[in-house]
């Protein structure tokens, strides 16, 4: 349970970092690229063995991590486009609701238990995520021409979580989790750095020292969000569908509460209903285990 709680905390700190990026006008793309360097370094420091770059391709999970790293950057850019065209609530819902993909994968591929209380808990969790994520009275509205972007964010975010579960279960040895995580972030950095090169060529790159500071602040919790979710998946406290349900809805609940206390956000009635349903859903999924 401690790994799951730490995963929720680390992921929520990422939310706090992004809120501070907006407040201090930090270039989000540049900070995220720096964050991948920091997250990669954190994994290498945590790894207890000797790191030989030439030996990395020999790991079965290596080429998968390259794809995941590229997907990290692609989804980030799609999230930015979705926010610009349809608003923050749309991208928030698309990202959070993507938890249905790893949940279904766990139920179908790993044959996770699917009792009444668990299914009810999962359904309530999805409703809770939606209600807690909508910060406007009118709900969300997406123009048909822009619908493809939140759909891609939904699919990409779900594929990332599902892939991490599959790889850690099938290919990643217990002692290799830090190296596995570091390699994902290294691949993401390389793709991101190529974007920086493109900006330099076009003459649009503008260096900001605060982007480095922001990247450092983001990179450490980002690394641990991956590390702890992998450890939580291996803990046996819940099956994978239960872990992803509780993890996702707890992040939404905690980040919403932090938004109130730290950033003085005003919640609508639907947001409070979402928080209550989140608590109930966590209880139902946990009870279903026993």
Foldseek 3Di string as FASTA:
>chain_A
DVLLVLLLVLLLLLVVLVVVCVVVVADVLLLQLLLLVLLLVVLVVLQPDDDDPVCQVVFPCQVVLLVLLQLVQVLVVLLVVCCVQWNDLLLQLLLLLLLVLLLVCCCPVVVFDDDPLLVVLLVLLNLLSQLQSAADPVGTDHDPVSVVSSPCSSPSNNVSLNVLLVCLVPGADPSCLSVSLSSSSVSNSVNSVVVVVVCVVVVNDDDDPVSNVSSNSSNPSVSSSSSSLSVVCVPPLGHRSLSSSLSSSSSSLVSSVCCCVPVVRDGDPSSVVSNVSSVSSNVSSNVVVD
